[in-house]
Each structure stands twice: as structure tokens, then as C-alpha cells.
Full PDB file with SEQRES, HELIX, SHEET, SSBOND, CRYST1, ORIGX, SCALE, CONECT and MASTER records, all heavy atoms in Angstrom:
SEQRES   1 A   44  ASN HIS GLN THR GLY LYS PRO ARG GLN ILE GLN THR MET          
SEQRES   2 A   44  GLU ILE GLY ASN GLY LYS THR VAL LEU ARG LEU ALA SER          
SEQRES   3 A   44  GLY GLU VAL LEU SER LEU ASP THR LEU SER SER SER SER          
SEQRES   4 A   44  GLU GLU GLY VAL TYR                                          
HELIX    1 AA1 ILE A   15  GLY A   18  5                                   4    
SHEET    1 AA1 2 VAL A  21  ARG A  23  0                                        
SHEET    2 AA1 2 VAL A  29  SER A  31 -1                                        
CRYST1    1.000    1.000    1.000  90.00  90.00  90.00 P 1           1          
ORIGX1      1.000000  0.000000  0.000000        0.00000                         
ORIGX2      0.000000  1.000000  0.000000        0.00000                         
ORIGX3      0.000000  0.000000  1.000000        0.00000                         
SCALE1      1.000000  0.000000  0.000000        0.00000                         
SCALE2      0.000000  1.000000  0.000000        0.00000                         
SCALE3      0.000000  0.000000  1.000000        0.00000                         
ATOM      1  N   ASN A   1     -19.529  18.403  -0.588  1.00  0.00           N  
ATOM      2  CA  ASN A   1     -19.275  17.015  -0.962  1.00  0.00           C  
ATOM      3  C   ASN A   1     -19.360  16.789  -2.469  1.00  0.00           C  
ATOM      4  O   ASN A   1     -18.932  15.769  -2.977  1.00  0.00           O  
ATOM      5  CB  ASN A   1     -20.282  16.084  -0.276  1.00  0.00           C  
ATOM      6  CG  ASN A   1     -20.045  15.984   1.210  1.00  0.00           C  
ATOM      7  OD1 ASN A   1     -18.937  16.189   1.669  1.00  0.00           O  
ATOM      8  ND2 ASN A   1     -21.086  15.680   1.963  1.00  0.00           N  
ATOM      9  N   HIS A   2     -19.989  17.741  -3.233  1.00  0.00           N  
ATOM     10  CA  HIS A   2     -20.189  17.552  -4.660  1.00  0.00           C  
ATOM     11  C   HIS A   2     -19.637  18.713  -5.483  1.00  0.00           C  
ATOM     12  O   HIS A   2     -20.039  18.927  -6.609  1.00  0.00           O  
ATOM     13  CB  HIS A   2     -21.682  17.385  -4.967  1.00  0.00           C  
ATOM     14  CG  HIS A   2     -22.284  16.217  -4.284  1.00  0.00           C  
ATOM     15  ND1 HIS A   2     -22.650  16.227  -2.955  1.00  0.00           N  
ATOM     16  CD2 HIS A   2     -22.580  14.974  -4.745  1.00  0.00           C  
ATOM     17  CE1 HIS A   2     -23.173  15.045  -2.634  1.00  0.00           C  
ATOM     18  NE2 HIS A   2     -23.137  14.273  -3.694  1.00  0.00           N  
ATOM     19  N   GLN A   3     -18.711  19.472  -4.907  1.00  0.00           N  
ATOM     20  CA  GLN A   3     -18.217  20.646  -5.619  1.00  0.00           C  
ATOM     21  C   GLN A   3     -17.444  20.239  -6.860  1.00  0.00           C  
ATOM     22  O   GLN A   3     -16.797  19.219  -6.906  1.00  0.00           O  
ATOM     23  CB  GLN A   3     -17.323  21.484  -4.708  1.00  0.00           C  
ATOM     24  CG  GLN A   3     -16.128  20.711  -4.117  1.00  0.00           C  
ATOM     25  CD  GLN A   3     -15.349  21.560  -3.177  1.00  0.00           C  
ATOM     26  OE1 GLN A   3     -15.183  22.747  -3.390  1.00  0.00           O  
ATOM     27  NE2 GLN A   3     -14.829  20.973  -2.128  1.00  0.00           N  
ATOM     28  N   THR A   4     -17.530  21.097  -7.900  1.00  0.00           N  
ATOM     29  CA  THR A   4     -16.845  20.797  -9.149  1.00  0.00           C  
ATOM     30  C   THR A   4     -15.565  21.595  -9.296  1.00  0.00           C  
ATOM     31  O   THR A   4     -14.757  21.320 -10.162  1.00  0.00           O  
ATOM     32  CB  THR A   4     -17.762  21.115 -10.347  1.00  0.00           C  
ATOM     33  OG1 THR A   4     -18.167  22.495 -10.263  1.00  0.00           O  
ATOM     34  CG2 THR A   4     -18.993  20.223 -10.327  1.00  0.00           C  
ATOM     35  N   GLY A   5     -15.367  22.583  -8.454  1.00  0.00           N  
ATOM     36  CA  GLY A   5     -14.157  23.380  -8.518  1.00  0.00           C  
ATOM     37  C   GLY A   5     -13.014  22.703  -7.797  1.00  0.00           C  
ATOM     38  O   GLY A   5     -13.094  21.566  -7.363  1.00  0.00           O  
ATOM     39  N   LYS A   6     -11.918  23.408  -7.626  1.00  0.00           N  
ATOM     40  CA  LYS A   6     -10.744  22.860  -6.967  1.00  0.00           C  
ATOM     41  C   LYS A   6     -11.024  22.657  -5.485  1.00  0.00           C  
ATOM     42  O   LYS A   6     -11.394  23.586  -4.781  1.00  0.00           O  
ATOM     43  CB  LYS A   6      -9.558  23.818  -7.138  1.00  0.00           C  
ATOM     44  CG  LYS A   6      -8.259  23.250  -6.580  1.00  0.00           C  
ATOM     45  CD  LYS A   6      -7.118  24.200  -6.860  1.00  0.00           C  
ATOM     46  CE  LYS A   6      -5.809  23.664  -6.307  1.00  0.00           C  
ATOM     47  NZ  LYS A   6      -4.694  24.570  -6.563  1.00  0.00           N  
ATOM     48  N   PRO A   7     -10.865  21.451  -4.943  1.00  0.00           N  
ATOM     49  CA  PRO A   7     -11.182  21.189  -3.543  1.00  0.00           C  
ATOM     50  C   PRO A   7     -10.186  21.830  -2.612  1.00  0.00           C  
ATOM     51  O   PRO A   7      -9.019  22.021  -2.940  1.00  0.00           O  
ATOM     52  CB  PRO A   7     -11.122  19.656  -3.450  1.00  0.00           C  
ATOM     53  CG  PRO A   7     -10.174  19.259  -4.531  1.00  0.00           C  
ATOM     54  CD  PRO A   7     -10.387  20.263  -5.631  1.00  0.00           C  
ATOM     55  N   ARG A   8     -10.676  22.164  -1.424  1.00  0.00           N  
ATOM     56  CA  ARG A   8      -9.798  22.740  -0.403  1.00  0.00           C  
ATOM     57  C   ARG A   8      -8.955  21.656   0.258  1.00  0.00           C  
ATOM     58  O   ARG A   8      -7.899  21.913   0.808  1.00  0.00           O  
ATOM     59  CB  ARG A   8     -10.672  23.437   0.645  1.00  0.00           C  
ATOM     60  CG  ARG A   8      -9.917  24.196   1.725  1.00  0.00           C  
ATOM     61  CD  ARG A   8     -10.878  25.019   2.549  1.00  0.00           C  
ATOM     62  NE  ARG A   8     -10.209  25.790   3.566  1.00  0.00           N  
ATOM     63  CZ  ARG A   8     -10.257  25.519   4.858  1.00  0.00           C  
ATOM     64  NH1 ARG A   8     -10.917  24.468   5.276  1.00  0.00           N  
ATOM     65  NH2 ARG A   8      -9.644  26.287   5.739  1.00  0.00           N  
ATOM     66  N   GLN A   9      -9.445  20.418   0.183  1.00  0.00           N  
ATOM     67  CA  GLN A   9      -8.765  19.315   0.836  1.00  0.00           C  
ATOM     68  C   GLN A   9      -7.346  19.124   0.299  1.00  0.00           C  
ATOM     69  O   GLN A   9      -7.115  19.134  -0.906  1.00  0.00           O  
ATOM     70  CB  GLN A   9      -9.563  18.021   0.630  1.00  0.00           C  
ATOM     71  CG  GLN A   9      -8.867  16.770   1.138  1.00  0.00           C  
ATOM     72  CD  GLN A   9      -8.715  16.802   2.637  1.00  0.00           C  
ATOM     73  OE1 GLN A   9      -9.628  17.211   3.344  1.00  0.00           O  
ATOM     74  NE2 GLN A   9      -7.567  16.402   3.120  1.00  0.00           N  
ATOM     75  N   ILE A  10      -6.402  18.955   1.196  1.00  0.00           N  
ATOM     76  CA  ILE A  10      -5.024  18.699   0.787  1.00  0.00           C  
ATOM     77  C   ILE A  10      -4.920  17.309   0.170  1.00  0.00           C  
ATOM     78  O   ILE A  10      -5.418  16.334   0.709  1.00  0.00           O  
ATOM     79  CB  ILE A  10      -4.086  18.787   2.014  1.00  0.00           C  
ATOM     80  CG1 ILE A  10      -4.056  20.212   2.564  1.00  0.00           C  
ATOM     81  CG2 ILE A  10      -2.673  18.346   1.655  1.00  0.00           C  
ATOM     82  CD1 ILE A  10      -3.494  21.225   1.622  1.00  0.00           C  
ATOM     83  N   GLN A  11      -4.272  17.206  -0.979  1.00  0.00           N  
ATOM     84  CA  GLN A  11      -4.040  15.914  -1.602  1.00  0.00           C  
ATOM     85  C   GLN A  11      -2.672  15.412  -1.145  1.00  0.00           C  
ATOM     86  O   GLN A  11      -1.639  15.901  -1.576  1.00  0.00           O  
ATOM     87  CB  GLN A  11      -4.074  16.047  -3.132  1.00  0.00           C  
ATOM     88  CG  GLN A  11      -5.396  16.595  -3.651  1.00  0.00           C  
ATOM     89  CD  GLN A  11      -6.536  15.660  -3.321  1.00  0.00           C  
ATOM     90  OE1 GLN A  11      -6.420  14.449  -3.465  1.00  0.00           O  
ATOM     91  NE2 GLN A  11      -7.650  16.223  -2.876  1.00  0.00           N  
ATOM     92  N   THR A  12      -2.655  14.431  -0.257  1.00  0.00           N  
ATOM     93  CA  THR A  12      -1.398  13.970   0.317  1.00  0.00           C  
ATOM     94  C   THR A  12      -0.707  12.963  -0.593  1.00  0.00           C  
ATOM     95  O   THR A  12      -1.340  12.218  -1.323  1.00  0.00           O  
ATOM     96  CB  THR A  12      -1.623  13.309   1.690  1.00  0.00           C  
ATOM     97  OG1 THR A  12      -2.507  12.198   1.521  1.00  0.00           O  
ATOM     98  CG2 THR A  12      -2.230  14.287   2.657  1.00  0.00           C  
ATOM     99  N   MET A  13       0.616  12.950  -0.509  1.00  0.00           N  
ATOM    100  CA  MET A  13       1.415  11.970  -1.225  1.00  0.00           C  
ATOM    101  C   MET A  13       1.759  10.864  -0.238  1.00  0.00           C  
ATOM    102  O   MET A  13       2.044  11.116   0.920  1.00  0.00           O  
ATOM    103  CB  MET A  13       2.696  12.610  -1.752  1.00  0.00           C  
ATOM    104  CG  MET A  13       2.460  13.753  -2.723  1.00  0.00           C  
ATOM    105  SD  MET A  13       3.968  14.651  -3.087  1.00  0.00           S  
ATOM    106  CE  MET A  13       5.010  13.352  -3.741  1.00  0.00           C  
ATOM    107  N   GLU A  14       1.719   9.617  -0.696  1.00  0.00           N  
ATOM    108  CA  GLU A  14       1.934   8.504   0.220  1.00  0.00           C  
ATOM    109  C   GLU A  14       3.034   7.589  -0.304  1.00  0.00           C  
ATOM    110  O   GLU A  14       3.156   7.364  -1.497  1.00  0.00           O  
ATOM    111  CB  GLU A  14       0.640   7.705   0.403  1.00  0.00           C  
ATOM    112  CG  GLU A  14      -0.477   8.546   1.021  1.00  0.00           C  
ATOM    113  CD  GLU A  14      -1.737   7.755   1.240  1.00  0.00           C  
ATOM    114  OE1 GLU A  14      -1.926   6.738   0.537  1.00  0.00           O  
ATOM    115  OE2 GLU A  14      -2.524   8.149   2.105  1.00  0.00           O  
ATOM    116  N   ILE A  15       3.838   7.044   0.628  1.00  0.00           N  
ATOM    117  CA  ILE A  15       4.856   6.093   0.234  1.00  0.00           C  
ATOM    118  C   ILE A  15       4.184   4.763  -0.053  1.00  0.00           C  
ATOM    119  O   ILE A  15       3.086   4.488   0.406  1.00  0.00           O  
ATOM    120  CB  ILE A  15       5.927   5.924   1.341  1.00  0.00           C  
ATOM    121  CG1 ILE A  15       5.293   5.351   2.622  1.00  0.00           C  
ATOM    122  CG2 ILE A  15       6.640   7.207   1.626  1.00  0.00           C  
ATOM    123  CD1 ILE A  15       6.306   5.000   3.674  1.00  0.00           C  
ATOM    124  N   GLY A  16       4.864   3.890  -0.823  1.00  0.00           N  
ATOM    125  CA  GLY A  16       4.309   2.587  -1.112  1.00  0.00           C  
ATOM    126  C   GLY A  16       2.974   2.658  -1.843  1.00  0.00           C  
ATOM    127  O   GLY A  16       2.133   1.788  -1.688  1.00  0.00           O  
ATOM    128  N   ASN A  17       2.775   3.714  -2.644  1.00  0.00           N  
ATOM    129  CA  ASN A  17       1.525   3.901  -3.371  1.00  0.00           C  
ATOM    130  C   ASN A  17       0.319   3.901  -2.438  1.00  0.00           C  
ATOM    131  O   ASN A  17      -0.774   3.485  -2.809  1.00  0.00           O  
ATOM    132  CB  ASN A  17       1.366   2.805  -4.433  1.00  0.00           C  
ATOM    133  CG  ASN A  17       2.413   2.904  -5.520  1.00  0.00           C  
ATOM    134  OD1 ASN A  17       2.753   3.999  -5.935  1.00  0.00           O  
ATOM    135  ND2 ASN A  17       2.941   1.782  -5.959  1.00  0.00           N  
ATOM    136  N   GLY A  18       0.519   4.355  -1.204  1.00  0.00           N  
ATOM    137  CA  GLY A  18      -0.588   4.444  -0.266  1.00  0.00           C  
ATOM    138  C   GLY A  18      -0.940   3.119   0.372  1.00  0.00           C  
ATOM    139  O   GLY A  18      -1.963   3.014   1.035  1.00  0.00           O  
ATOM    140  N   LYS A  19      -0.131   2.083   0.188  1.00  0.00           N  
ATOM    141  CA  LYS A  19      -0.428   0.764   0.733  1.00  0.00           C  
ATOM    142  C   LYS A  19       0.675   0.315   1.688  1.00  0.00           C  
ATOM    143  O   LYS A  19       1.844   0.635   1.500  1.00  0.00           O  
ATOM    144  CB  LYS A  19      -0.574  -0.259  -0.399  1.00  0.00           C  
ATOM    145  CG  LYS A  19      -1.697   0.044  -1.377  1.00  0.00           C  
ATOM    146  CD  LYS A  19      -1.736  -0.989  -2.486  1.00  0.00           C  
ATOM    147  CE  LYS A  19      -2.861  -0.686  -3.477  1.00  0.00           C  
ATOM    148  NZ  LYS A  19      -2.901  -1.687  -4.571  1.00  0.00           N  
ATOM    149  N   THR A  20       0.278  -0.439   2.712  1.00  0.00           N  
ATOM    150  CA  THR A  20       1.263  -1.061   3.577  1.00  0.00           C  
ATOM    151  C   THR A  20       1.842  -2.261   2.839  1.00  0.00           C  
ATOM    152  O   THR A  20       1.094  -3.103   2.333  1.00  0.00           O  
ATOM    153  CB  THR A  20       0.620  -1.526   4.892  1.00  0.00           C  
ATOM    154  OG1 THR A  20       0.040  -0.394   5.543  1.00  0.00           O  
ATOM    155  CG2 THR A  20       1.668  -2.141   5.818  1.00  0.00           C  
ATOM    156  N   VAL A  21       3.168  -2.335   2.762  1.00  0.00           N  
ATOM    157  CA  VAL A  21       3.797  -3.402   1.992  1.00  0.00           C  
ATOM    158  C   VAL A  21       4.821  -4.147   2.833  1.00  0.00           C  
ATOM    159  O   VAL A  21       5.361  -3.621   3.817  1.00  0.00           O  
ATOM    160  CB  VAL A  21       4.478  -2.856   0.719  1.00  0.00           C  
ATOM    161  CG1 VAL A  21       3.455  -2.198  -0.198  1.00  0.00           C  
ATOM    162  CG2 VAL A  21       5.594  -1.875   1.076  1.00  0.00           C  
ATOM    163  N   LEU A  22       5.072  -5.386   2.435  1.00  0.00           N  
ATOM    164  CA  LEU A  22       6.129  -6.207   3.026  1.00  0.00           C  
ATOM    165  C   LEU A  22       7.156  -6.470   1.945  1.00  0.00           C  
ATOM    166  O   LEU A  22       6.843  -7.062   0.901  1.00  0.00           O  
ATOM    167  CB  LEU A  22       5.558  -7.525   3.547  1.00  0.00           C  
ATOM    168  CG  LEU A  22       6.597  -8.553   4.017  1.00  0.00           C  
ATOM    169  CD1 LEU A  22       7.364  -8.037   5.237  1.00  0.00           C  
ATOM    170  CD2 LEU A  22       5.931  -9.889   4.335  1.00  0.00           C  
ATOM    171  N   ARG A  23       8.375  -6.007   2.171  1.00  0.00           N  
ATOM    172  CA  ARG A  23       9.474  -6.256   1.235  1.00  0.00           C  
ATOM    173  C   ARG A  23      10.266  -7.442   1.768  1.00  0.00           C  
ATOM    174  O   ARG A  23      10.924  -7.346   2.821  1.00  0.00           O  
ATOM    175  CB  ARG A  23      10.373  -5.018   1.099  1.00  0.00           C  
ATOM    176  CG  ARG A  23       9.650  -3.813   0.528  1.00  0.00           C  
ATOM    177  CD  ARG A  23      10.583  -2.648   0.257  1.00  0.00           C  
ATOM    178  NE  ARG A  23       9.852  -1.484  -0.212  1.00  0.00           N  
ATOM    179  CZ  ARG A  23       9.506  -1.285  -1.489  1.00  0.00           C  
ATOM    180  NH1 ARG A  23       9.862  -2.167  -2.399  1.00  0.00           N  
ATOM    181  NH2 ARG A  23       8.824  -0.215  -1.841  1.00  0.00           N  
ATOM    182  N   LEU A  24      10.209  -8.550   1.069  1.00  0.00           N  
ATOM    183  CA  LEU A  24      10.916  -9.752   1.491  1.00  0.00           C  
ATOM    184  C   LEU A  24      12.407  -9.629   1.213  1.00  0.00           C  
ATOM    185  O   LEU A  24      12.836  -8.790   0.422  1.00  0.00           O  
ATOM    186  CB  LEU A  24      10.346 -10.969   0.776  1.00  0.00           C  
ATOM    187  CG  LEU A  24       8.872 -11.283   1.079  1.00  0.00           C  
ATOM    188  CD1 LEU A  24       8.364 -12.372   0.150  1.00  0.00           C  
ATOM    189  CD2 LEU A  24       8.707 -11.688   2.530  1.00  0.00           C  
ATOM    190  N   ALA A  25      13.177 -10.481   1.877  1.00  0.00           N  
ATOM    191  CA  ALA A  25      14.627 -10.442   1.699  1.00  0.00           C  
ATOM    192  C   ALA A  25      15.024 -10.642   0.241  1.00  0.00           C  
ATOM    193  O   ALA A  25      16.043 -10.125  -0.215  1.00  0.00           O  
ATOM    194  CB  ALA A  25      15.278 -11.515   2.581  1.00  0.00           C  
ATOM    195  N   SER A  26      14.202 -11.365  -0.504  1.00  0.00           N  
ATOM    196  CA  SER A  26      14.500 -11.627  -1.916  1.00  0.00           C  
ATOM    197  C   SER A  26      14.258 -10.414  -2.799  1.00  0.00           C  
ATOM    198  O   SER A  26      14.659 -10.391  -3.953  1.00  0.00           O  
ATOM    199  CB  SER A  26      13.616 -12.780  -2.408  1.00  0.00           C  
ATOM    200  OG  SER A  26      12.243 -12.404  -2.349  1.00  0.00           O  
ATOM    201  N   GLY A  27      13.571  -9.409  -2.260  1.00  0.00           N  
ATOM    202  CA  GLY A  27      13.228  -8.236  -3.045  1.00  0.00           C  
ATOM    203  C   GLY A  27      11.780  -8.233  -3.498  1.00  0.00           C  
ATOM    204  O   GLY A  27      11.274  -7.212  -3.998  1.00  0.00           O  
ATOM    205  N   GLU A  28      11.082  -9.352  -3.337  1.00  0.00           N  
ATOM    206  CA  GLU A  28       9.668  -9.420  -3.711  1.00  0.00           C  
ATOM    207  C   GLU A  28       8.850  -8.525  -2.777  1.00  0.00           C  
ATOM    208  O   GLU A  28       9.107  -8.458  -1.577  1.00  0.00           O  
ATOM    209  CB  GLU A  28       9.161 -10.867  -3.618  1.00  0.00           C  
ATOM    210  CG  GLU A  28       7.710 -11.026  -4.048  1.00  0.00           C  
ATOM    211  CD  GLU A  28       7.227 -12.463  -3.933  1.00  0.00           C  
ATOM    212  OE1 GLU A  28       8.035 -13.336  -3.534  1.00  0.00           O  
ATOM    213  OE2 GLU A  28       6.041 -12.712  -4.234  1.00  0.00           O  
ATOM    214  N   VAL A  29       7.851  -7.853  -3.330  1.00  0.00           N  
ATOM    215  CA  VAL A  29       7.018  -6.935  -2.558  1.00  0.00           C  
ATOM    216  C   VAL A  29       5.587  -7.471  -2.508  1.00  0.00           C  
ATOM    217  O   VAL A  29       4.984  -7.758  -3.534  1.00  0.00           O  
ATOM    218  CB  VAL A  29       7.020  -5.517  -3.173  1.00  0.00           C  
ATOM    219  CG1 VAL A  29       6.129  -4.585  -2.363  1.00  0.00           C  
ATOM    220  CG2 VAL A  29       8.442  -4.972  -3.239  1.00  0.00           C  
ATOM    221  N   LEU A  30       5.044  -7.591  -1.287  1.00  0.00           N  
ATOM    222  CA  LEU A  30       3.677  -8.067  -1.087  1.00  0.00           C  
ATOM    223  C   LEU A  30       2.833  -6.940  -0.497  1.00  0.00           C  
ATOM    224  O   LEU A  30       3.284  -6.228   0.411  1.00  0.00           O  
ATOM    225  CB  LEU A  30       3.657  -9.264  -0.127  1.00  0.00           C  
ATOM    226  CG  LEU A  30       4.495 -10.481  -0.519  1.00  0.00           C  
ATOM    227  CD1 LEU A  30       4.420 -11.536   0.585  1.00  0.00           C  
ATOM    228  CD2 LEU A  30       4.026 -11.067  -1.840  1.00  0.00           C  
ATOM    229  N   SER A  31       1.626  -6.767  -1.004  1.00  0.00           N  
ATOM    230  CA  SER A  31       0.711  -5.770  -0.447  1.00  0.00           C  
ATOM    231  C   SER A  31      -0.015  -6.380   0.741  1.00  0.00           C  
ATOM    232  O   SER A  31      -0.715  -7.390   0.598  1.00  0.00           O  
ATOM    233  CB  SER A  31      -0.303  -5.323  -1.510  1.00  0.00           C  
ATOM    234  OG  SER A  31      -1.305  -4.508  -0.909  1.00  0.00           O  
ATOM    235  N   LEU A  32       0.134  -5.788   1.904  1.00  0.00           N  
ATOM    236  CA  LEU A  32      -0.512  -6.315   3.105  1.00  0.00           C  
ATOM    237  C   LEU A  32      -1.973  -5.905   3.185  1.00  0.00           C  
ATOM    238  O   LEU A  32      -2.699  -6.384   4.054  1.00  0.00           O  
ATOM    239  CB  LEU A  32       0.245  -5.848   4.354  1.00  0.00           C  
ATOM    240  CG  LEU A  32       1.687  -6.367   4.449  1.00  0.00           C  
ATOM    241  CD1 LEU A  32       2.352  -5.887   5.735  1.00  0.00           C  
ATOM    242  CD2 LEU A  32       1.730  -7.883   4.371  1.00  0.00           C  
ATOM    243  N   ASP A  33      -2.403  -5.005   2.295  1.00  0.00           N  
ATOM    244  CA  ASP A  33      -3.813  -4.630   2.261  1.00  0.00           C  
ATOM    245  C   ASP A  33      -4.668  -5.748   1.671  1.00  0.00           C  
ATOM    246  O   ASP A  33      -5.868  -5.834   1.929  1.00  0.00           O  
ATOM    247  CB  ASP A  33      -4.009  -3.352   1.435  1.00  0.00           C  
ATOM    248  CG  ASP A  33      -3.351  -2.151   2.092  1.00  0.00           C  
ATOM    249  OD1 ASP A  33      -3.137  -2.200   3.308  1.00  0.00           O  
ATOM    250  OD2 ASP A  33      -3.054  -1.180   1.385  1.00  0.00           O  
ATOM    251  N   THR A  34      -4.048  -6.619   0.871  1.00  0.00           N  
ATOM    252  CA  THR A  34      -4.800  -7.685   0.212  1.00  0.00           C  
ATOM    253  C   THR A  34      -4.304  -9.073   0.590  1.00  0.00           C  
ATOM    254  O   THR A  34      -4.995 -10.059   0.335  1.00  0.00           O  
ATOM    255  CB  THR A  34      -4.708  -7.528  -1.314  1.00  0.00           C  
ATOM    256  OG1 THR A  34      -3.324  -7.525  -1.721  1.00  0.00           O  
ATOM    257  CG2 THR A  34      -5.354  -6.224  -1.768  1.00  0.00           C  
ATOM    258  N   LEU A  35      -3.139  -9.187   1.193  1.00  0.00           N  
ATOM    259  CA  LEU A  35      -2.573 -10.490   1.549  1.00  0.00           C  
ATOM    260  C   LEU A  35      -3.416 -11.188   2.601  1.00  0.00           C  
ATOM    261  O   LEU A  35      -3.786 -10.603   3.618  1.00  0.00           O  
ATOM    262  CB  LEU A  35      -1.144 -10.321   2.055  1.00  0.00           C  
ATOM    263  CG  LEU A  35      -0.446 -11.607   2.504  1.00  0.00           C  
ATOM    264  CD1 LEU A  35      -0.123 -12.480   1.292  1.00  0.00           C  
ATOM    265  CD2 LEU A  35       0.825 -11.286   3.287  1.00  0.00           C  
ATOM    266  N   SER A  36      -3.728 -12.451   2.368  1.00  0.00           N  
ATOM    267  CA  SER A  36      -4.444 -13.263   3.354  1.00  0.00           C  
ATOM    268  C   SER A  36      -3.466 -14.150   4.098  1.00  0.00           C  
ATOM    269  O   SER A  36      -3.331 -14.080   5.316  1.00  0.00           O  
ATOM    270  CB  SER A  36      -5.515 -14.110   2.667  1.00  0.00           C  
ATOM    271  OG  SER A  36      -6.145 -14.955   3.604  1.00  0.00           O  
ATOM    272  N   SER A  37      -2.749 -14.991   3.367  1.00  0.00           N  
ATOM    273  CA  SER A  37      -1.720 -15.844   3.961  1.00  0.00           C  
ATOM    274  C   SER A  37      -0.734 -16.227   2.866  1.00  0.00           C  
ATOM    275  O   SER A  37      -1.064 -16.233   1.679  1.00  0.00           O  
ATOM    276  CB  SER A  37      -2.332 -17.087   4.603  1.00  0.00           C  
ATOM    277  OG  SER A  37      -2.988 -17.875   3.630  1.00  0.00           O  
ATOM    278  N   SER A  38       0.489 -16.576   3.295  1.00  0.00           N  
ATOM    279  CA  SER A  38       1.522 -16.923   2.322  1.00  0.00           C  
ATOM    280  C   SER A  38       2.697 -17.565   3.037  1.00  0.00           C  
ATOM    281  O   SER A  38       2.973 -17.265   4.209  1.00  0.00           O  
ATOM    282  CB  SER A  38       1.991 -15.671   1.572  1.00  0.00           C  
ATOM    283  OG  SER A  38       2.987 -15.991   0.617  1.00  0.00           O  
ATOM    284  N   SER A  39       3.369 -18.466   2.345  1.00  0.00           N  
ATOM    285  CA  SER A  39       4.600 -19.074   2.855  1.00  0.00           C  
ATOM    286  C   SER A  39       5.747 -18.558   2.004  1.00  0.00           C  
ATOM    287  O   SER A  39       5.790 -18.810   0.795  1.00  0.00           O  
ATOM    288  CB  SER A  39       4.531 -20.602   2.776  1.00  0.00           C  
ATOM    289  OG  SER A  39       3.522 -21.100   3.623  1.00  0.00           O  
ATOM    290  N   GLU A  40       6.648 -17.816   2.632  1.00  0.00           N  
ATOM    291  CA  GLU A  40       7.730 -17.174   1.892  1.00  0.00           C  
ATOM    292  C   GLU A  40       9.046 -17.284   2.657  1.00  0.00           C  
ATOM    293  O   GLU A  40       9.129 -16.934   3.838  1.00  0.00           O  
ATOM    294  CB  GLU A  40       7.426 -15.684   1.678  1.00  0.00           C  
ATOM    295  CG  GLU A  40       6.084 -15.380   1.015  1.00  0.00           C  
ATOM    296  CD  GLU A  40       6.069 -15.642  -0.469  1.00  0.00           C  
ATOM    297  OE1 GLU A  40       7.162 -15.834  -1.032  1.00  0.00           O  
ATOM    298  OE2 GLU A  40       4.984 -15.660  -1.056  1.00  0.00           O  
ATOM    299  N   GLU A  41      10.083 -17.818   1.999  1.00  0.00           N  
ATOM    300  CA  GLU A  41      11.455 -17.757   2.501  1.00  0.00           C  
ATOM    301  C   GLU A  41      11.577 -18.176   3.967  1.00  0.00           C  
ATOM    302  O   GLU A  41      12.117 -17.455   4.797  1.00  0.00           O  
ATOM    303  CB  GLU A  41      12.009 -16.340   2.309  1.00  0.00           C  
ATOM    304  CG  GLU A  41      11.983 -15.902   0.854  1.00  0.00           C  
ATOM    305  CD  GLU A  41      12.469 -14.482   0.668  1.00  0.00           C  
ATOM    306  OE1 GLU A  41      13.173 -13.961   1.544  1.00  0.00           O  
ATOM    307  OE2 GLU A  41      12.134 -13.886  -0.360  1.00  0.00           O  
ATOM    308  N   GLY A  42      11.047 -19.360   4.289  1.00  0.00           N  
ATOM    309  CA  GLY A  42      11.198 -19.883   5.640  1.00  0.00           C  
ATOM    310  C   GLY A  42      10.272 -19.272   6.657  1.00  0.00           C  
ATOM    311  O   GLY A  42      10.444 -19.469   7.862  1.00  0.00           O  
ATOM    312  N   VAL A  43       9.275 -18.489   6.199  1.00  0.00           N  
ATOM    313  CA  VAL A  43       8.366 -17.845   7.141  1.00  0.00           C  
ATOM    314  C   VAL A  43       6.925 -17.977   6.636  1.00  0.00           C  
ATOM    315  O   VAL A  43       6.670 -17.927   5.429  1.00  0.00           O  
ATOM    316  CB  VAL A  43       8.729 -16.356   7.331  1.00  0.00           C  
ATOM    317  CG1 VAL A  43       8.543 -15.586   6.041  1.00  0.00           C  
ATOM    318  CG2 VAL A  43       7.932 -15.727   8.452  1.00  0.00           C  
ATOM    319  N   TYR A  44       6.007 -18.205   7.563  1.00  0.00           N  
ATOM    320  CA  TYR A  44       4.590 -18.286   7.220  1.00  0.00           C  
ATOM    321  C   TYR A  44       3.931 -16.977   7.628  1.00  0.00           C  
ATOM    322  O   TYR A  44       4.063 -16.526   8.768  1.00  0.00           O  
ATOM    323  CB  TYR A  44       3.924 -19.463   7.943  1.00  0.00           C  
ATOM    324  CG  TYR A  44       2.430 -19.541   7.690  1.00  0.00           C  
ATOM    325  CD1 TYR A  44       1.938 -19.898   6.434  1.00  0.00           C  
ATOM    326  CD2 TYR A  44       1.518 -19.235   8.693  1.00  0.00           C  
ATOM    327  CE1 TYR A  44       0.578 -19.965   6.184  1.00  0.00           C  
ATOM    328  CE2 TYR A  44       0.146 -19.293   8.455  1.00  0.00           C  
ATOM    329  CZ  TYR A  44      -0.313 -19.667   7.201  1.00  0.00           C  
ATOM    330  OH  TYR A  44      -1.659 -19.714   6.957  1.00  0.00           O  
TER     331      TYR A  44                                                      
MASTER        0    0    0    1    2    0    0    6  330    1    0    4          
END                                                                             
């Protein structure tokens, strides 16, 4: 857990910078990891 050398653990690459996102029809991108509530483009 405290090794200073190169870890054996695989470092994975993730889409969306590792976050779940909502891409609105307008092109605006919202992070669903932090979104609480919002009214956007006819939808709540």
C-alpha cells in the first residue's frame, strides 16, 4: 500500500475523464458525479 517503486496495478484509461457525463442537445456537458438538479432545454 506504500510502495515507492512502479506499482503492479494497471492504470486504466477512462472516457469522459473518468466521470459520467450528460451531453445535452445544445452541446453543453454536465458532470453527473456532481450534478444535483437542473432545468435544461425543456427537461428537469
